[in-house]
């Protein structure tokens, strides 16, 4: 099946599902795709070929037509994420005092504390008093002219993206620098798979991947949840994998689970953390007047990654990570779709920002 067909059907499903959900609401109404502006988030490395590819997929999927082509919009993932972060109050960010459960609370509902690092005390929480009627965002009023270095730590991607942004007068964002390296969450997943191969052998694992691909996908999904913690973990071992292993007399599993020590789990991150740290140091040494490091994306949910970045850079820069960082790009994209003026004026934007222009 062609890649264009795959992208088209994925977009078609998302469009149909969104419309179905809206229509099922008592006040949803009979909306069609043409009633909406469709915002697609893209990495900073988007090429003209990929732009045309995605535009064609969106048209074939029915998101837009020739008459509504101005309702398809591309925005940078980093700008979307930072747009959302700039709207948050202090309790909208993860701190050492936030539990995993607190991440399920909407921004503004969590206990009042802050994402500002406290290198000296570590666990001490700095309290902020923010009046409900106050309209200025805390980050906006305290930025002191410093720029934001956004690190998009893709949870399932090969690449991580680093972008430097300035908040202009009036709140619009200006992109200064963009970098990308191959150190995303996919590398951590790969280390986990290598660990499984060490346990079960290449022969058993290859047979399992070939015969039970859905179960492999489920195991990787379960692992993505375990990646968030910095402690000993255990993951369920599917019965079919146990049977294959016992058939080959490779391993004996008694309770149906695989235990991974905290120390072993941290080794899965070694290469990614090293690459991210090296790239951050390279960027920060450019004297770009950076004051904040903002972590977003799926891998940013990992306590191991957040603690490492804080340990390495928290004494000189404020390290921020929104609650549910994987959703920051999505929510920011909605904000930019509603208020495209929150980035630089369109005449200064790359040609693909409004992709049909």
Protein backbone atom coordinates (compact mmCIF):
# COMPACT_ATOMS: atom_id res chain seq x y z
CA UNK A 1 0.00 0.00 0.00
CA UNK A 2 1.37 3.42 -0.90
CA UNK A 3 2.40 5.85 1.84
CA UNK A 4 0.01 8.44 0.40
CA UNK A 5 -2.86 5.96 0.78
CA UNK A 6 -1.89 5.26 4.40
CA UNK A 7 -1.71 8.95 5.31
CA UNK A 8 -4.97 9.65 3.50
CA UNK A 9 -6.90 6.92 5.32
CA UNK A 10 -5.47 7.92 8.69
CA UNK A 11 -6.57 11.53 8.14
CA UNK A 12 -9.95 10.35 6.86
CA UNK A 13 -10.50 8.26 9.98
CA UNK A 14 -9.53 11.14 12.29
CA UNK A 15 -11.82 13.52 10.40
CA UNK A 16 -14.79 11.14 10.45
CA UNK A 17 -14.25 10.27 14.11
CA UNK A 18 -14.06 13.94 15.10
CA UNK A 19 -17.26 14.75 13.23
CA UNK A 20 -19.02 11.72 14.70
CA UNK A 21 -18.01 12.75 18.22
CA UNK A 22 -19.24 16.32 17.70
CA UNK A 23 -22.55 15.17 16.22
CA UNK A 24 -23.16 12.79 19.11
CA UNK A 25 -23.15 15.71 21.55
CA UNK A 26 -26.62 17.13 22.31
CA UNK A 27 -25.51 20.55 21.10
CA UNK A 28 -23.11 19.27 18.46
CA UNK A 29 -25.12 20.18 15.40
CA UNK A 30 -24.76 18.95 11.83
CA UNK A 31 -21.26 20.13 11.05
CA UNK A 32 -19.28 19.09 8.01
CA UNK A 33 -15.54 19.09 7.41
CA UNK A 34 -15.83 22.41 5.59
CA UNK A 35 -17.01 24.11 8.79
CA UNK A 36 -13.61 23.74 10.45
CA UNK A 37 -10.06 24.95 10.11
CA UNK A 38 -7.80 21.88 10.07
CA UNK A 39 -4.41 22.38 11.70
CA UNK A 40 -1.58 19.96 10.98
CA UNK A 41 1.53 20.10 13.14
CA UNK A 42 4.84 19.57 11.37
CA UNK A 43 8.51 19.41 12.38
CA UNK A 44 10.86 22.23 11.55
CA UNK A 45 12.53 20.06 8.91
CA UNK A 46 9.46 19.85 6.63
CA UNK A 47 10.51 19.86 2.97
CA UNK A 48 8.55 21.16 0.00
CA UNK A 49 7.99 17.57 -1.15
CA UNK A 50 6.54 16.55 2.22
CA UNK A 51 4.42 19.69 2.31
CA UNK A 52 2.88 18.80 -1.05
CA UNK A 53 2.49 15.18 0.06
CA UNK A 54 0.58 16.11 3.21
CA UNK A 55 -1.52 18.65 1.35
CA UNK A 56 -2.54 16.00 -1.18
CA UNK A 57 -3.38 13.49 1.58
CA UNK A 58 -5.55 16.06 3.38
CA UNK A 59 -7.44 16.83 0.17
CA UNK A 60 -8.01 13.16 -0.67
CA UNK A 61 -9.18 12.53 2.90
CA UNK A 62 -11.86 15.19 2.53
CA UNK A 63 -10.53 17.65 5.10
CA UNK A 64 -10.65 20.43 2.50
CA UNK A 65 -11.80 21.02 -1.05
CA UNK A 66 -10.78 23.52 -3.71
CA UNK A 67 -13.38 25.89 -2.28
CA UNK A 68 -12.17 25.50 1.32
CA UNK A 69 -8.44 25.07 0.78
CA UNK A 70 -7.68 28.11 2.94
CA UNK A 71 -8.94 26.11 5.93
CA UNK A 72 -5.91 23.83 5.97
CA UNK A 73 -3.07 25.18 8.11
CA UNK A 74 0.41 23.90 8.98
CA UNK A 75 2.11 24.99 12.21
CA UNK A 76 5.47 24.12 13.72
CA UNK A 77 5.27 21.55 16.51
CA UNK A 78 7.63 23.55 18.73
CA UNK A 79 5.65 26.75 18.29
CA UNK A 80 2.43 24.94 19.07
CA UNK A 81 3.91 23.45 22.25
CA UNK A 82 5.39 26.75 23.43
CA UNK A 83 2.14 28.57 22.67
CA UNK A 84 0.36 26.21 25.04
CA UNK A 85 3.04 26.44 27.72
CA UNK A 86 2.88 30.25 27.71
CA UNK A 87 -0.80 30.03 28.65
CA UNK A 88 -0.26 27.84 31.70
CA UNK A 89 -0.27 28.91 35.32
CA UNK A 90 2.52 27.65 37.63
CA UNK A 91 0.53 24.57 38.65
CA UNK A 92 0.28 23.56 35.00
CA UNK A 93 3.85 22.24 35.07
CA UNK A 94 5.41 19.07 36.43
CA UNK A 95 7.55 19.43 39.52
CA UNK A 96 9.28 16.92 41.77
CA UNK A 97 6.20 17.12 43.99
CA UNK A 98 3.77 16.14 41.25
CA UNK A 99 2.72 12.52 41.35
CA UNK A 100 1.77 10.58 38.22
CA UNK A 101 -1.88 10.93 39.23
CA UNK A 102 -1.62 14.71 39.37
CA UNK A 103 -0.76 14.73 35.67
CA UNK A 104 -4.32 13.65 34.94
CA UNK A 105 -5.65 16.87 36.42
CA UNK A 106 -6.30 19.75 34.03
CA UNK A 107 -3.94 22.69 34.14
CA UNK A 108 -5.02 25.06 36.90
CA UNK A 109 -6.53 22.27 39.01
CA UNK A 110 -3.36 20.79 40.47
CA UNK A 111 -1.86 21.83 43.75
CA UNK A 112 -0.32 25.33 43.56
CA UNK A 113 3.38 25.03 43.00
CA UNK A 114 5.84 25.83 40.25
CA UNK A 115 8.12 24.31 37.68
CA UNK A 116 10.94 26.70 38.54
CA UNK A 117 13.94 24.66 39.59
CA UNK A 118 15.25 24.94 43.11
CA UNK A 119 18.83 23.64 42.81
CA UNK A 120 19.67 24.35 46.41
CA UNK A 121 16.68 22.72 48.05
CA UNK A 122 15.52 20.28 45.42
CA UNK A 123 12.24 19.32 47.07
CA UNK A 124 11.24 22.76 48.32
CA UNK A 125 8.23 24.28 46.56
CA UNK A 126 8.15 27.99 45.73
CA UNK A 127 4.64 29.34 46.12
CA UNK A 128 3.15 31.86 43.70
CA UNK A 129 0.00 33.85 44.27
CA UNK A 130 -1.91 34.31 41.02
CA UNK A 131 -5.23 36.13 41.15
CA UNK A 132 -7.99 34.44 39.13
CA UNK A 133 -8.75 37.65 37.25
CA UNK A 134 -5.12 38.14 36.27
CA UNK A 135 -4.85 37.87 32.49
CA UNK A 136 -1.09 38.04 32.01
CA UNK A 137 0.62 34.69 31.88
CA UNK A 138 3.25 34.09 34.55
CA UNK A 139 5.92 32.99 32.08
CA UNK A 140 5.29 36.04 29.92
CA UNK A 141 5.73 38.50 32.78
CA UNK A 142 8.87 36.85 34.17
CA UNK A 143 10.79 36.02 31.03
CA UNK A 144 13.14 39.07 31.35
CA UNK A 145 13.76 39.10 27.61
CA UNK A 146 15.15 35.57 27.65
CA UNK A 147 14.50 33.14 24.83
CA UNK A 148 12.98 29.67 25.12
CA UNK A 149 14.77 26.52 24.00
CA UNK A 150 12.04 23.97 23.20
CA UNK A 151 13.08 20.30 23.22
CA UNK A 152 10.53 18.07 21.50
CA UNK A 153 11.36 14.63 22.92
CA UNK A 154 9.32 12.42 20.62
CA UNK A 155 7.89 9.47 22.50
CA UNK A 156 7.85 7.11 19.50
CA UNK A 157 10.03 9.01 17.03
CA UNK A 158 13.62 8.51 16.00
CA UNK A 159 14.38 12.23 16.15
CA UNK A 160 14.28 14.90 18.82
CA UNK A 161 13.94 18.52 17.74
CA UNK A 162 15.49 21.57 19.39
CA UNK A 163 14.20 25.06 18.60
CA UNK A 164 14.99 28.51 19.99
CA UNK A 165 12.14 31.01 20.21
CA UNK A 166 11.74 34.61 21.26
CA UNK A 167 8.50 36.04 22.63
CA UNK A 168 7.98 39.33 20.80
CA UNK A 169 6.16 42.41 22.05
CA UNK A 170 2.49 41.49 22.20
CA UNK A 171 3.18 37.79 22.75
CA UNK A 172 3.90 36.54 19.20
CA UNK A 173 6.62 33.92 18.79
CA UNK A 174 9.69 34.25 16.60
CA UNK A 175 11.72 31.20 15.59
CA UNK A 176 15.49 31.80 15.69
CA UNK A 177 17.16 28.40 15.40
CA UNK A 178 16.11 24.81 14.69
CA UNK A 179 18.10 21.59 15.14
CA UNK A 180 17.35 17.87 14.98
CA UNK A 181 19.17 14.73 16.09
CA UNK A 182 18.39 11.01 16.10
CA UNK A 183 17.77 10.44 19.79
CA UNK A 184 14.00 10.22 20.25
CA UNK A 185 11.95 7.81 22.31
CA UNK A 186 12.22 5.14 19.64
CA UNK A 187 15.82 4.57 20.72
CA UNK A 188 14.69 3.86 24.30
CA UNK A 189 12.11 1.41 22.92
CA UNK A 190 14.87 -0.21 20.89
CA UNK A 191 16.96 -0.76 24.03
CA UNK A 192 13.95 -2.42 25.66
CA UNK A 193 13.58 -4.76 22.69
CA UNK A 194 17.28 -5.61 22.89
CA UNK A 195 16.74 -6.45 26.55
CA UNK A 196 13.91 -8.83 25.59
CA UNK A 197 16.10 -10.47 22.95
CA UNK A 198 18.80 -10.98 25.57
CA UNK A 199 16.23 -12.78 27.71
CA UNK A 200 14.48 -14.87 25.06
CA UNK A 201 17.10 -15.12 22.25
CA UNK A 202 16.92 -13.83 18.70
CA UNK A 203 15.19 -16.97 17.48
CA UNK A 204 12.31 -16.82 19.97
CA UNK A 205 11.78 -13.07 19.65
CA UNK A 206 11.84 -13.07 15.84
CA UNK A 207 9.29 -15.88 15.75
CA UNK A 208 7.12 -14.02 18.25
CA UNK A 209 7.27 -10.77 16.25
CA UNK A 210 6.32 -12.61 13.08
CA UNK A 211 3.43 -14.62 14.53
CA UNK A 212 2.00 -12.23 17.12
CA UNK A 213 2.61 -8.63 15.94
CA UNK A 214 -0.40 -7.29 17.85
CA UNK A 215 0.96 -8.65 21.12
CA UNK A 216 4.34 -7.07 20.41
CA UNK A 217 2.61 -3.74 19.86
CA UNK A 218 0.75 -4.16 23.16
CA UNK A 219 3.99 -4.88 25.01
CA UNK A 220 5.58 -1.74 23.56
CA UNK A 221 2.53 0.28 24.59
CA UNK A 222 2.77 -1.09 28.12
CA UNK A 223 6.44 -0.19 28.18
CA UNK A 224 5.66 3.37 27.10
CA UNK A 225 3.75 3.74 30.37
CA UNK A 226 6.60 2.28 32.38
CA UNK A 227 9.03 4.74 30.80
CA UNK A 228 7.46 7.49 32.88
CA UNK A 229 8.84 6.23 36.20
CA UNK A 230 12.26 6.06 37.81
CA UNK A 231 11.92 2.87 39.86
CA UNK A 232 11.84 -0.92 39.59
CA UNK A 233 9.10 -1.99 37.17
CA UNK A 234 7.54 -5.16 35.84
CA UNK A 235 5.75 -5.84 32.59
CA UNK A 236 3.33 -8.62 31.77
CA UNK A 237 4.78 -11.40 29.63
CA UNK A 238 2.17 -12.66 27.13
CA UNK A 239 1.38 -16.38 27.25
CA UNK A 240 2.32 -16.92 23.61
CA UNK A 241 5.81 -15.55 24.25
CA UNK A 242 6.18 -17.80 27.31
CA UNK A 243 5.08 -20.82 25.27
CA UNK A 244 7.57 -20.08 22.50
CA UNK A 245 10.38 -19.63 25.02
CA UNK A 246 9.55 -22.85 26.85
CA UNK A 247 9.20 -24.70 23.55
CA UNK A 248 12.74 -23.67 22.69
CA UNK A 249 13.81 -24.37 26.28
CA UNK A 250 15.27 -20.88 26.41
CA UNK A 251 13.81 -19.56 29.65
CA UNK A 252 11.46 -20.44 32.50
CA UNK A 253 8.92 -17.81 33.57
CA UNK A 254 6.83 -18.62 36.61
CA UNK A 255 4.54 -15.66 37.36
CA UNK A 256 3.96 -14.28 33.85
CA UNK A 257 5.87 -11.04 34.31
CA UNK A 258 9.27 -9.60 33.50
CA UNK A 259 10.97 -7.54 36.18
CA UNK A 260 13.25 -4.64 35.24
CA UNK A 261 15.36 -3.01 37.93
CA UNK A 262 15.59 0.75 38.17
CA UNK A 263 19.27 0.57 37.28
CA UNK A 264 18.57 -1.52 34.16
CA UNK A 265 15.72 0.75 33.10
CA UNK A 266 18.00 3.78 33.27
CA UNK A 267 20.51 2.11 30.93
CA UNK A 268 17.85 2.13 28.20
CA UNK A 269 18.20 5.94 28.22
CA UNK A 270 22.00 6.18 28.12
CA UNK A 271 22.46 6.96 24.43
CA UNK A 272 19.44 9.28 24.15
CA UNK A 273 20.41 11.27 27.24
CA UNK A 274 23.99 11.58 26.07
CA UNK A 275 22.95 12.82 22.62
CA UNK A 276 20.35 15.24 24.01
CA UNK A 277 22.82 16.61 26.58
CA UNK A 278 25.54 17.12 23.98
CA UNK A 279 23.16 18.93 21.63
CA UNK A 280 21.83 21.13 24.42
CA UNK A 281 25.35 22.15 25.42
CA UNK A 282 26.18 22.90 21.78
CA UNK A 283 23.12 25.15 21.44
CA UNK A 284 23.55 26.86 24.80
CA UNK A 285 27.17 27.66 24.00
CA UNK A 286 26.02 29.75 21.01
CA UNK A 287 25.11 32.65 23.36
CA UNK A 288 21.54 32.91 22.09
CA UNK A 289 20.28 34.59 25.30
CA UNK A 290 18.33 31.49 26.39
CA UNK A 291 16.74 31.51 29.82
CA UNK A 292 14.28 28.61 29.69
CA UNK A 293 14.48 24.99 28.54
CA UNK A 294 11.00 23.62 27.78
CA UNK A 295 10.56 19.84 27.53
CA UNK A 296 7.59 18.53 25.55
CA UNK A 297 6.65 15.36 23.67
CA UNK A 298 6.09 11.79 24.84
CA UNK A 299 9.57 11.13 26.20
CA UNK A 300 9.32 14.25 28.37
CA UNK A 301 6.89 12.29 30.56
CA UNK A 302 9.89 10.28 31.77
CA UNK A 303 11.12 11.14 35.25
CA UNK A 304 14.54 9.84 34.22
CA UNK A 305 14.85 12.31 31.36
CA UNK A 306 13.44 15.29 33.27
CA UNK A 307 15.71 14.66 36.26
CA UNK A 308 18.76 14.28 34.03
CA UNK A 309 18.10 17.58 32.21
CA UNK A 310 17.46 19.34 35.51
CA UNK A 311 20.66 17.95 37.04
CA UNK A 312 22.70 19.00 34.02
CA UNK A 313 21.24 22.44 33.33
CA UNK A 314 18.93 23.41 36.20
CA UNK A 315 21.45 25.62 37.99
CA UNK A 316 21.77 28.00 35.06
CA UNK A 317 18.44 27.66 33.23
CA UNK A 318 14.85 27.19 34.28
CA UNK A 319 13.73 23.75 33.09
CA UNK A 320 9.98 23.53 32.40
CA UNK A 321 7.76 20.61 31.48
CA UNK A 322 3.96 20.96 31.18
CA UNK A 323 1.62 18.42 32.70
CA UNK A 324 0.88 15.80 30.05
CA UNK A 325 3.67 17.07 27.77
CA UNK A 326 2.59 14.82 24.92
CA UNK A 327 -0.60 16.86 24.59
CA UNK A 328 1.07 20.28 24.61
CA UNK A 329 1.63 20.22 20.84
CA UNK A 330 -1.99 19.22 20.17
CA UNK A 331 -3.48 21.86 22.46
CA UNK A 332 -1.12 24.54 21.19
CA UNK A 333 -2.08 23.69 17.61
CA UNK A 334 -5.71 24.42 18.46
CA UNK A 335 -4.68 27.77 19.94
CA UNK A 336 -2.69 28.69 16.82
CA UNK A 337 -5.58 27.61 14.60
CA UNK A 338 -7.82 30.03 16.45
CA UNK A 339 -5.20 32.76 16.77
CA UNK A 340 -2.57 32.50 14.02
CA UNK A 341 -1.31 35.97 14.94
CA UNK A 342 0.33 34.38 17.99
CA UNK A 343 3.29 33.66 15.73
CA UNK A 344 5.12 36.18 13.59
CA UNK A 345 3.09 37.95 10.89
CA UNK A 346 2.47 35.66 7.94
CA UNK A 347 4.65 37.68 5.56
CA UNK A 348 7.64 36.68 7.70
CA UNK A 349 6.64 33.05 7.95
CA UNK A 350 8.03 30.20 5.83
CA UNK A 351 5.98 29.64 2.71
CA UNK A 352 4.41 26.47 4.05
CA UNK A 353 2.91 28.00 7.23
CA UNK A 354 -0.37 28.57 5.45
CA UNK A 355 0.23 25.74 3.05
CA UNK A 356 -2.21 26.78 0.34
CA UNK A 357 -0.97 30.35 0.08
